[in-house]
Amino acid sequence: MQEEHPEARFIVETLVREGFVAYYAGGWVRDYLLKYPSDDIDIATNASPEAIQALFPKTVPIGIAFGIILVLVGDKEFEVATFRNDIEYKDGRRPTRIEFTTPEEDAKRRDFTINGMFYDPLQDKVIDHVEGKRDLEKKTIRAIGNPHQRIKEDRLRMIRAVRLSCRLGFSIEQETVDAICAHAGELFPAVAMERIWQEFTKMAAYPGFGRALITLHDYGLLQTIFPAARSLSLKELKERARPLDDFPADTPVIAYLLELFPHASLEERLAMCKYLKLSKSEIQFVHFLCKAEALIQQKEVEKIEWAYFYASPSASHSLHVFAARLQIHDRRPYWEEHEKRKLELQPAILRIQQRTPVVTSNQLKELGVLPGVLMGKLLHEAERIAINEGIEDPHKVVEKLRHSPLWQQFKAEK
């Protein structure tokens, strides 16, 4: 343990040397017992926030009202929190106040038993006040104490339970399931959309996202997040979620969710992006994916369109999404077709990516074309000729350009 996490151990050693109790806490302990590698270590202690700040030279008070201090050791960051009791939850997300307490009481305020254990790295000992080890052995997600109370304290715990269940392959204990179903409609406004999106992002980082969405639907949570899913039958949902297990690990998260609504228009998909408060890059991917779908469905496509498609960094993700929708026996010819076309267009793809067209604006200026809209159209037409006809000699491309209707327009304007 000392060799694996020297910075975290240093924090515990420092606190213990000063007479405090300090343990690793929460999800890291769970993953350690499951033998899952993890560097995400949180530390819990009976030292006050002020004592923590006094002991370590580099700290950030990220949640001092809740007893949480960020301690920096080298290039690593660790949340160090004082054992606490959360009191007076009013908004379904955060306590209005806290009180510092014992490790046992701190464990009892946490969400699920498998997340409520501590680990003493100095003694190599698990401290379990909530029977978390028992539930790990039973592969069970169980709320600590009264599941209704745990969920009312923090509505996001409903989604977190589903995520953990699917990531670990654990079942959710029935009383916890019943509480989730009872409170599914209370997700909003207690939980911000940004937090739900974070949970979706964490789900997508592991296999089983499709299973997670189906479980969310079973419990009524998916319909709360996406009202359009209320009309989805379980059979329809399973069919739409079928491709998700074949998505590559780095597929944009929004691509998973769009599969649930295959008939949505571009406007509806963009409205969904706005609803989910996605970033500009994620919205750009949705635009590209919709355009790519239209391209794939066309029977007659110019080579230039394929070249620009393959040149995009989003092309690979899009192709994998479309491949996952196919039956297994149809995927090999699909990939062979695209690889063959991509190889044929490789010179054009590289030119597009490097922004080095066959015919440049300077060459057109020498021919008397002035900068402006018409020059842009002529440059595009020149590249279309070069790519569609496989010509890389700029003089030959210009010769063909001179016979185009656009060139006649240029001569007329001149």
Protein backbone atom coordinates (compact mmCIF):
# COMPACT_ATOMS: atom_id res chain seq x y z
CA MET A 1 0.00 0.00 0.00
CA GLN A 2 2.82 2.38 0.87
CA GLU A 3 4.43 1.97 -2.54
CA GLU A 4 1.14 2.34 -4.42
CA HIS A 5 -0.16 5.57 -2.85
CA PRO A 6 2.72 7.32 -1.03
CA GLU A 7 1.11 10.78 -1.15
CA ALA A 8 -2.17 9.61 0.41
CA ARG A 9 -0.32 7.61 3.02
CA PHE A 10 1.80 10.66 3.84
CA ILE A 11 -1.37 12.64 4.64
CA VAL A 12 -2.65 9.90 6.96
CA GLU A 13 0.75 9.52 8.63
CA THR A 14 0.97 13.27 9.21
CA LEU A 15 -2.50 13.42 10.79
CA VAL A 16 -1.92 10.35 12.97
CA ARG A 17 1.49 11.66 14.13
CA GLU A 18 -0.32 14.79 15.38
CA GLY A 19 -2.74 12.65 17.41
CA PHE A 20 -5.66 12.51 14.96
CA VAL A 21 -7.56 9.57 13.46
CA ALA A 22 -7.39 9.34 9.67
CA TYR A 23 -8.64 6.75 7.16
CA TYR A 24 -9.15 6.29 3.45
CA ALA A 25 -12.90 6.54 2.83
CA GLY A 26 -15.74 5.67 0.48
CA GLY A 27 -15.46 4.40 -3.07
CA TRP A 28 -11.72 3.73 -2.98
CA VAL A 29 -12.20 1.25 -0.12
CA ARG A 30 -14.90 -0.55 -2.10
CA ASP A 31 -12.71 -0.78 -5.19
CA TYR A 32 -9.71 -1.89 -3.11
CA LEU A 33 -11.68 -4.79 -1.65
CA LEU A 34 -12.92 -5.69 -5.14
CA LYS A 35 -9.30 -5.52 -6.37
CA TYR A 36 -10.14 -2.74 -8.83
CA PRO A 37 -7.20 -0.34 -9.30
CA SER A 38 -8.01 3.23 -8.26
CA ASP A 39 -6.07 6.39 -7.45
CA ASP A 40 -9.18 8.33 -6.40
CA ILE A 41 -8.60 8.38 -2.63
CA ASP A 42 -10.65 10.49 -0.23
CA ILE A 43 -9.47 10.80 3.37
CA ALA A 44 -11.67 11.16 6.46
CA THR A 45 -10.35 12.38 9.80
CA ASN A 46 -11.36 13.79 13.17
CA ALA A 47 -9.04 16.75 12.59
CA SER A 48 -10.88 20.03 12.11
CA PRO A 49 -10.59 21.90 8.79
CA GLU A 50 -8.42 24.49 10.52
CA ALA A 51 -6.08 21.78 11.84
CA ILE A 52 -5.81 20.25 8.36
CA GLN A 53 -4.91 23.62 6.87
CA ALA A 54 -2.30 24.20 9.57
CA LEU A 55 -0.64 20.82 8.99
CA PHE A 56 -0.21 20.96 5.21
CA PRO A 57 1.46 23.80 3.29
CA LYS A 58 -0.70 23.52 0.17
CA THR A 59 -4.47 23.39 0.75
CA VAL A 60 -7.63 24.70 -0.89
CA PRO A 61 -10.85 25.17 1.16
CA ILE A 62 -13.15 23.69 -1.51
CA GLY A 63 -15.97 22.88 0.92
CA ILE A 64 -14.99 24.28 4.28
CA ALA A 65 -18.67 24.69 5.27
CA PHE A 66 -18.89 20.90 5.00
CA GLY A 67 -15.49 20.26 6.55
CA ILE A 68 -13.74 19.48 3.26
CA ILE A 69 -10.21 20.64 2.47
CA LEU A 70 -8.26 19.84 -0.69
CA VAL A 71 -4.70 18.87 0.21
CA LEU A 72 -2.02 18.98 -2.47
CA VAL A 73 1.00 16.71 -2.19
CA GLY A 74 3.35 16.95 -5.15
CA ASP A 75 1.16 16.80 -8.25
CA LYS A 76 -1.64 14.86 -6.48
CA GLU A 77 -4.81 16.25 -4.91
CA PHE A 78 -6.81 14.66 -2.10
CA GLU A 79 -10.08 15.64 -0.45
CA VAL A 80 -9.62 15.48 3.29
CA ALA A 81 -12.90 15.73 5.20
CA THR A 82 -13.67 15.93 8.88
CA PHE A 83 -16.00 13.17 10.17
CA ARG A 84 -19.44 14.77 10.14
CA ASN A 85 -23.17 14.41 10.52
CA ASP A 86 -25.37 16.09 7.89
CA ILE A 87 -28.33 17.93 9.40
CA GLU A 88 -31.51 19.48 8.01
CA TYR A 89 -31.67 18.53 4.34
CA LYS A 90 -34.19 20.87 2.71
CA ASP A 91 -33.47 20.89 -1.01
CA GLY A 92 -33.07 17.18 -1.69
CA ARG A 93 -29.39 17.60 -2.46
CA ARG A 94 -27.30 19.18 0.34
CA PRO A 95 -27.56 19.62 4.11
CA THR A 96 -28.19 23.11 5.44
CA ARG A 97 -25.69 22.52 8.24
CA ILE A 98 -23.35 19.88 9.62
CA GLU A 99 -21.82 18.86 12.93
CA PHE A 100 -18.51 17.11 13.43
CA THR A 101 -18.83 13.61 14.82
CA THR A 102 -17.33 10.11 15.12
CA PRO A 103 -16.25 7.76 12.32
CA GLU A 104 -19.26 5.52 13.01
CA GLU A 105 -21.76 8.38 12.68
CA ASP A 106 -19.96 9.64 9.59
CA ALA A 107 -20.30 6.22 7.97
CA LYS A 108 -24.03 6.14 8.70
CA ARG A 109 -24.67 9.40 6.79
CA ARG A 110 -23.21 8.00 3.55
CA ASP A 111 -25.26 6.59 0.67
CA PHE A 112 -24.72 2.82 0.29
CA THR A 113 -23.14 0.23 2.54
CA ILE A 114 -20.44 -0.66 0.02
CA ASN A 115 -19.42 3.03 -0.01
CA GLY A 116 -19.54 3.46 3.77
CA MET A 117 -16.35 1.67 4.80
CA PHE A 118 -13.01 3.10 5.92
CA TYR A 119 -9.51 1.74 5.47
CA ASP A 120 -6.54 2.32 7.77
CA PRO A 121 -3.45 2.16 5.53
CA LEU A 122 -1.09 2.16 8.51
CA GLN A 123 -2.70 -0.91 10.07
CA ASP A 124 -3.87 -2.45 6.76
CA LYS A 125 -7.34 -2.73 8.29
CA VAL A 126 -10.90 -2.18 7.03
CA ILE A 127 -13.24 -0.37 9.45
CA ASP A 128 -16.83 -1.34 8.61
CA HIS A 129 -19.68 0.16 10.66
CA VAL A 130 -22.40 -0.50 8.05
CA GLU A 131 -21.87 -4.14 6.96
CA GLY A 132 -20.43 -3.04 3.65
CA LYS A 133 -18.15 -6.08 3.37
CA ARG A 134 -21.17 -8.34 3.72
CA ASP A 135 -22.96 -6.59 0.86
CA LEU A 136 -19.82 -6.65 -1.28
CA GLU A 137 -19.72 -10.43 -0.84
CA LYS A 138 -23.43 -10.63 -1.68
CA LYS A 139 -22.93 -8.27 -4.65
CA THR A 140 -25.68 -6.02 -3.38
CA ILE A 141 -26.29 -2.27 -3.51
CA ARG A 142 -28.07 -1.38 -0.24
CA ALA A 143 -28.85 2.05 1.17
CA ILE A 144 -27.43 2.71 4.63
CA GLY A 145 -30.28 2.84 7.13
CA ASN A 146 -33.68 3.96 5.82
CA PRO A 147 -33.50 4.09 1.99
CA HIS A 148 -36.31 6.68 1.78
CA GLN A 149 -34.41 8.98 4.11
CA ARG A 150 -31.12 8.49 2.21
CA ILE A 151 -32.83 9.37 -1.08
CA LYS A 152 -34.71 12.36 0.32
CA GLU A 153 -31.37 13.69 1.57
CA ASP A 154 -29.86 13.47 -1.91
CA ARG A 155 -32.06 12.58 -4.91
CA LEU A 156 -28.98 11.96 -7.06
CA ARG A 157 -28.39 8.78 -5.07
CA MET A 158 -31.13 7.13 -7.13
CA ILE A 159 -29.11 7.44 -10.33
CA ARG A 160 -25.86 6.64 -8.53
CA ALA A 161 -27.35 3.34 -7.34
CA VAL A 162 -28.17 2.34 -10.91
CA ARG A 163 -24.72 3.36 -12.14
CA LEU A 164 -22.95 1.33 -9.46
CA SER A 165 -25.23 -1.64 -10.04
CA CYS A 166 -24.44 -1.77 -13.75
CA ARG A 167 -20.75 -0.97 -13.39
CA LEU A 168 -20.17 -3.66 -10.74
CA GLY A 169 -22.77 -6.17 -11.92
CA PHE A 170 -24.49 -5.99 -8.51
CA SER A 171 -28.21 -6.21 -7.77
CA ILE A 172 -29.99 -3.44 -5.89
CA GLU A 173 -31.62 -4.56 -2.66
CA GLN A 174 -35.44 -4.56 -2.90
CA GLU A 175 -36.20 -1.95 -0.23
CA THR A 176 -33.73 0.39 -1.94
CA VAL A 177 -35.41 -0.32 -5.30
CA ASP A 178 -38.83 0.40 -3.82
CA ALA A 179 -37.57 3.72 -2.44
CA ILE A 180 -36.08 4.69 -5.81
CA CYS A 181 -39.35 3.92 -7.60
CA ALA A 182 -41.30 5.87 -4.98
CA HIS A 183 -39.16 9.00 -5.37
CA ALA A 184 -38.20 8.84 -9.07
CA GLY A 185 -40.56 11.68 -9.91
CA GLU A 186 -38.86 13.91 -7.32
CA LEU A 187 -35.51 14.04 -9.12
CA PHE A 188 -36.14 17.61 -10.24
CA PRO A 189 -35.67 20.35 -9.19
CA ALA A 190 -33.48 18.94 -6.42
CA VAL A 191 -30.78 17.72 -8.80
CA ALA A 192 -29.12 20.00 -11.35
CA MET A 193 -28.89 18.72 -14.92
CA GLU A 194 -25.11 19.09 -14.80
CA ARG A 195 -24.95 16.47 -12.03
CA ILE A 196 -27.14 14.07 -14.00
CA TRP A 197 -24.90 14.55 -17.02
CA GLN A 198 -21.88 13.70 -14.84
CA GLU A 199 -23.56 10.44 -13.88
CA PHE A 200 -24.25 9.62 -17.54
CA THR A 201 -20.60 10.35 -18.30
CA LYS A 202 -19.47 7.97 -15.56
CA MET A 203 -21.88 5.31 -16.83
CA ALA A 204 -20.40 5.57 -20.32
CA ALA A 205 -16.89 4.96 -18.94
CA TYR A 206 -17.74 1.30 -18.28
CA PRO A 207 -19.56 -1.43 -20.21
CA GLY A 208 -23.29 -1.79 -19.58
CA PHE A 209 -24.60 1.71 -20.36
CA GLY A 210 -27.51 0.17 -22.25
CA ARG A 211 -28.40 -1.96 -19.25
CA ALA A 212 -28.20 1.15 -17.04
CA LEU A 213 -30.66 3.03 -19.25
CA ILE A 214 -33.08 0.11 -19.19
CA THR A 215 -32.84 -0.01 -15.38
CA LEU A 216 -33.43 3.73 -15.17
CA HIS A 217 -36.56 3.17 -17.27
CA ASP A 218 -37.71 0.31 -15.02
CA TYR A 219 -37.49 2.59 -11.99
CA GLY A 220 -39.18 5.58 -13.67
CA LEU A 221 -36.05 7.73 -13.68
CA LEU A 222 -35.44 7.79 -17.44
CA GLN A 223 -38.98 9.08 -18.01
CA THR A 224 -38.39 11.82 -15.43
CA ILE A 225 -35.17 12.92 -17.14
CA PHE A 226 -36.56 12.55 -20.68
CA PRO A 227 -40.35 13.00 -20.83
CA ALA A 228 -40.25 11.73 -24.45
CA ALA A 229 -39.29 8.32 -23.04
CA ARG A 230 -42.66 7.95 -21.31
CA SER A 231 -44.19 6.47 -24.45
CA LEU A 232 -41.32 4.00 -24.91
CA SER A 233 -42.20 0.39 -24.20
CA LEU A 234 -39.60 -1.81 -22.57
CA LYS A 235 -39.33 -3.81 -25.79
CA GLU A 236 -38.67 -0.68 -27.86
CA LEU A 237 -36.12 0.57 -25.37
CA LYS A 238 -34.20 -2.71 -25.36
CA GLU A 239 -34.06 -2.70 -29.16
CA ARG A 240 -32.83 0.88 -29.27
CA ALA A 241 -30.26 0.22 -26.55
CA ARG A 242 -28.95 -2.92 -28.28
CA PRO A 243 -26.12 -1.19 -30.21
CA LEU A 244 -24.73 0.62 -27.16
CA ASP A 245 -22.61 -2.27 -25.92
CA ASP A 246 -20.70 -2.18 -29.21
CA PHE A 247 -19.83 1.51 -29.02
CA PRO A 248 -16.09 2.17 -28.52
CA ALA A 249 -15.11 3.37 -25.06
CA ASP A 250 -14.35 6.92 -26.23
CA THR A 251 -17.70 7.47 -27.96
CA PRO A 252 -19.20 10.86 -27.01
CA VAL A 253 -21.79 10.30 -24.29
CA ILE A 254 -24.53 12.13 -26.19
CA ALA A 255 -24.34 9.47 -28.93
CA TYR A 256 -25.60 6.86 -26.43
CA LEU A 257 -28.61 8.94 -25.48
CA LEU A 258 -29.50 9.88 -29.05
CA GLU A 259 -29.94 6.18 -29.83
CA LEU A 260 -33.03 6.23 -27.62
CA PHE A 261 -34.71 8.72 -29.95
CA PRO A 262 -33.78 7.61 -33.50
CA HIS A 263 -36.59 9.53 -35.20
CA ALA A 264 -35.77 12.88 -33.61
CA SER A 265 -35.12 15.74 -36.04
CA LEU A 266 -31.97 17.83 -35.90
CA GLU A 267 -33.93 20.57 -34.15
CA GLU A 268 -35.19 18.10 -31.53
CA ARG A 269 -31.68 16.75 -30.99
CA LEU A 270 -30.28 20.24 -30.57
CA ALA A 271 -33.08 21.03 -28.12
CA MET A 272 -32.00 17.94 -26.19
CA CYS A 273 -28.42 19.24 -26.15
CA LYS A 274 -29.62 22.55 -24.75
CA TYR A 275 -31.74 20.75 -22.14
CA LEU A 276 -28.71 18.69 -21.07
CA LYS A 277 -26.55 21.86 -21.06
CA LEU A 278 -23.90 20.34 -23.30
CA SER A 279 -20.69 22.00 -24.39
CA LYS A 280 -20.11 23.59 -27.77
CA SER A 281 -17.93 20.66 -28.89
CA GLU A 282 -20.63 18.14 -27.96
CA ILE A 283 -23.23 20.13 -29.90
CA GLN A 284 -20.88 20.25 -32.90
CA PHE A 285 -20.60 16.46 -32.73
CA VAL A 286 -24.41 16.14 -32.82
CA HIS A 287 -24.47 18.36 -35.91
CA PHE A 288 -21.82 16.20 -37.56
CA LEU A 289 -23.54 12.94 -36.60
CA CYS A 290 -26.84 14.08 -38.15
CA LYS A 291 -25.08 15.18 -41.33
CA ALA A 292 -23.19 11.88 -41.45
CA GLU A 293 -26.44 9.92 -41.13
CA ALA A 294 -27.84 11.76 -44.15
CA LEU A 295 -24.63 11.10 -46.08
CA ILE A 296 -24.66 7.38 -45.31
CA GLN A 297 -28.27 7.09 -46.49
CA GLN A 298 -27.67 8.79 -49.86
CA LYS A 299 -27.26 6.58 -52.90
CA GLU A 300 -25.27 9.02 -55.04
CA VAL A 301 -22.53 10.88 -53.17
CA GLU A 302 -19.68 12.86 -54.72
CA LYS A 303 -16.16 11.88 -53.70
CA ILE A 304 -15.54 15.34 -52.27
CA GLU A 305 -18.31 14.82 -49.71
CA TRP A 306 -16.76 11.53 -48.57
CA ALA A 307 -13.30 13.14 -48.42
CA TYR A 308 -14.53 15.92 -46.13
CA PHE A 309 -16.39 13.37 -44.03
CA TYR A 310 -13.33 11.14 -43.51
CA ALA A 311 -11.15 14.18 -42.81
CA SER A 312 -13.21 15.09 -39.74
CA PRO A 313 -12.02 13.87 -36.30
CA SER A 314 -15.66 12.89 -35.63
CA ALA A 315 -15.80 10.49 -38.60
CA SER A 316 -14.45 7.48 -36.71
CA HIS A 317 -16.98 7.86 -33.88
CA SER A 318 -19.83 8.25 -36.36
CA LEU A 319 -18.79 5.18 -38.37
CA HIS A 320 -18.60 3.08 -35.21
CA VAL A 321 -22.04 4.26 -34.09
CA PHE A 322 -23.54 3.32 -37.47
CA ALA A 323 -21.71 -0.02 -37.49
CA ALA A 324 -23.09 -0.91 -34.06
CA ARG A 325 -26.63 -0.55 -35.43
CA LEU A 326 -25.96 -3.24 -38.05
CA GLN A 327 -26.35 -6.95 -37.61
CA ILE A 328 -23.06 -8.73 -36.95
CA HIS A 329 -22.87 -10.30 -40.44
CA ASP A 330 -23.31 -6.90 -42.12
CA ARG A 331 -20.45 -5.17 -40.33
CA ARG A 332 -17.50 -6.65 -42.21
CA PRO A 333 -18.66 -5.54 -45.68
CA TYR A 334 -19.59 -2.14 -44.19
CA TRP A 335 -16.06 -1.60 -42.88
CA GLU A 336 -14.46 -2.98 -46.05
CA GLU A 337 -16.43 -0.50 -48.16
CA HIS A 338 -15.37 2.46 -46.05
CA GLU A 339 -11.73 1.40 -45.77
CA LYS A 340 -11.50 0.95 -49.54
CA ARG A 341 -13.03 4.39 -50.21
CA LYS A 342 -10.92 6.04 -47.53
CA LEU A 343 -7.73 4.56 -49.00
CA GLU A 344 -8.66 5.82 -52.47
CA LEU A 345 -9.30 9.32 -51.10
CA GLN A 346 -6.28 9.44 -48.77
CA PRO A 347 -4.38 12.20 -50.67
CA ALA A 348 -7.49 14.40 -50.69
CA ILE A 349 -8.20 13.68 -47.01
CA LEU A 350 -4.67 14.72 -46.05
CA ARG A 351 -4.97 17.92 -48.10
CA ILE A 352 -8.21 18.80 -46.32
CA GLN A 353 -6.73 18.09 -42.90
CA GLN A 354 -3.56 20.07 -43.68
CA ARG A 355 -5.51 22.83 -45.44
CA THR A 356 -3.36 22.58 -48.56
CA PRO A 357 -5.78 22.63 -51.54
CA VAL A 358 -4.58 21.83 -55.05
CA VAL A 359 -5.53 25.34 -56.24
CA THR A 360 -4.86 28.26 -53.88
CA SER A 361 -6.27 31.77 -53.60
CA ASN A 362 -2.91 33.20 -54.73
CA GLN A 363 -3.13 31.21 -57.96
CA LEU A 364 -6.60 32.58 -58.64
CA LYS A 365 -5.44 36.14 -57.84
CA GLU A 366 -2.79 35.74 -60.56
CA LEU A 367 -5.64 34.99 -62.95
CA GLY A 368 -7.43 38.17 -61.97
CA VAL A 369 -9.91 36.77 -59.44
CA LEU A 370 -10.47 39.19 -56.56
CA PRO A 371 -11.04 38.05 -52.97
CA GLY A 372 -14.72 37.65 -52.16
CA VAL A 373 -17.67 35.31 -52.38
CA LEU A 374 -16.99 34.31 -55.97
CA MET A 375 -13.37 33.43 -55.22
CA GLY A 376 -14.59 31.16 -52.40
CA LYS A 377 -16.95 29.42 -54.77
CA LEU A 378 -14.21 29.02 -57.40
CA LEU A 379 -11.80 27.55 -54.83
CA HIS A 380 -14.43 25.06 -53.73
CA GLU A 381 -15.21 24.15 -57.33
CA ALA A 382 -11.50 23.66 -58.02
CA GLU A 383 -11.21 21.29 -55.05
CA ARG A 384 -14.35 19.47 -56.15
CA ILE A 385 -12.81 18.90 -59.60
CA ALA A 386 -9.49 17.80 -58.06
CA ILE A 387 -11.09 15.28 -55.69
CA ASN A 388 -13.89 13.96 -57.87
CA GLU A 389 -11.59 13.44 -60.87
CA GLY A 390 -8.46 12.52 -58.93
CA ILE A 391 -6.34 15.38 -60.36
CA GLU A 392 -3.44 16.74 -58.30
CA ASP A 393 -1.86 19.00 -60.93
CA PRO A 394 -3.13 22.58 -60.23
CA HIS A 395 -2.69 23.62 -63.89
CA LYS A 396 -4.94 20.80 -65.08
CA VAL A 397 -7.52 21.67 -62.42
CA VAL A 398 -7.48 25.35 -63.43
CA GLU A 399 -7.91 24.36 -67.07
CA LYS A 400 -11.05 22.43 -66.18
CA LEU A 401 -12.19 25.25 -63.91
CA ARG A 402 -12.03 27.65 -66.88
CA HIS A 403 -14.78 25.61 -68.56
CA SER A 404 -17.12 25.74 -65.56
CA PRO A 405 -20.25 27.95 -65.30
CA LEU A 406 -18.64 29.69 -62.32
CA TRP A 407 -15.71 30.80 -64.47
CA GLN A 408 -18.10 32.18 -67.05
CA GLN A 409 -19.75 34.14 -64.22
CA PHE A 410 -16.31 35.47 -63.22
CA LYS A 411 -15.60 36.56 -66.80
CA ALA A 412 -19.00 38.25 -67.04
CA GLU A 413 -18.45 40.16 -63.79
CA LYS A 414 -14.95 41.10 -64.86
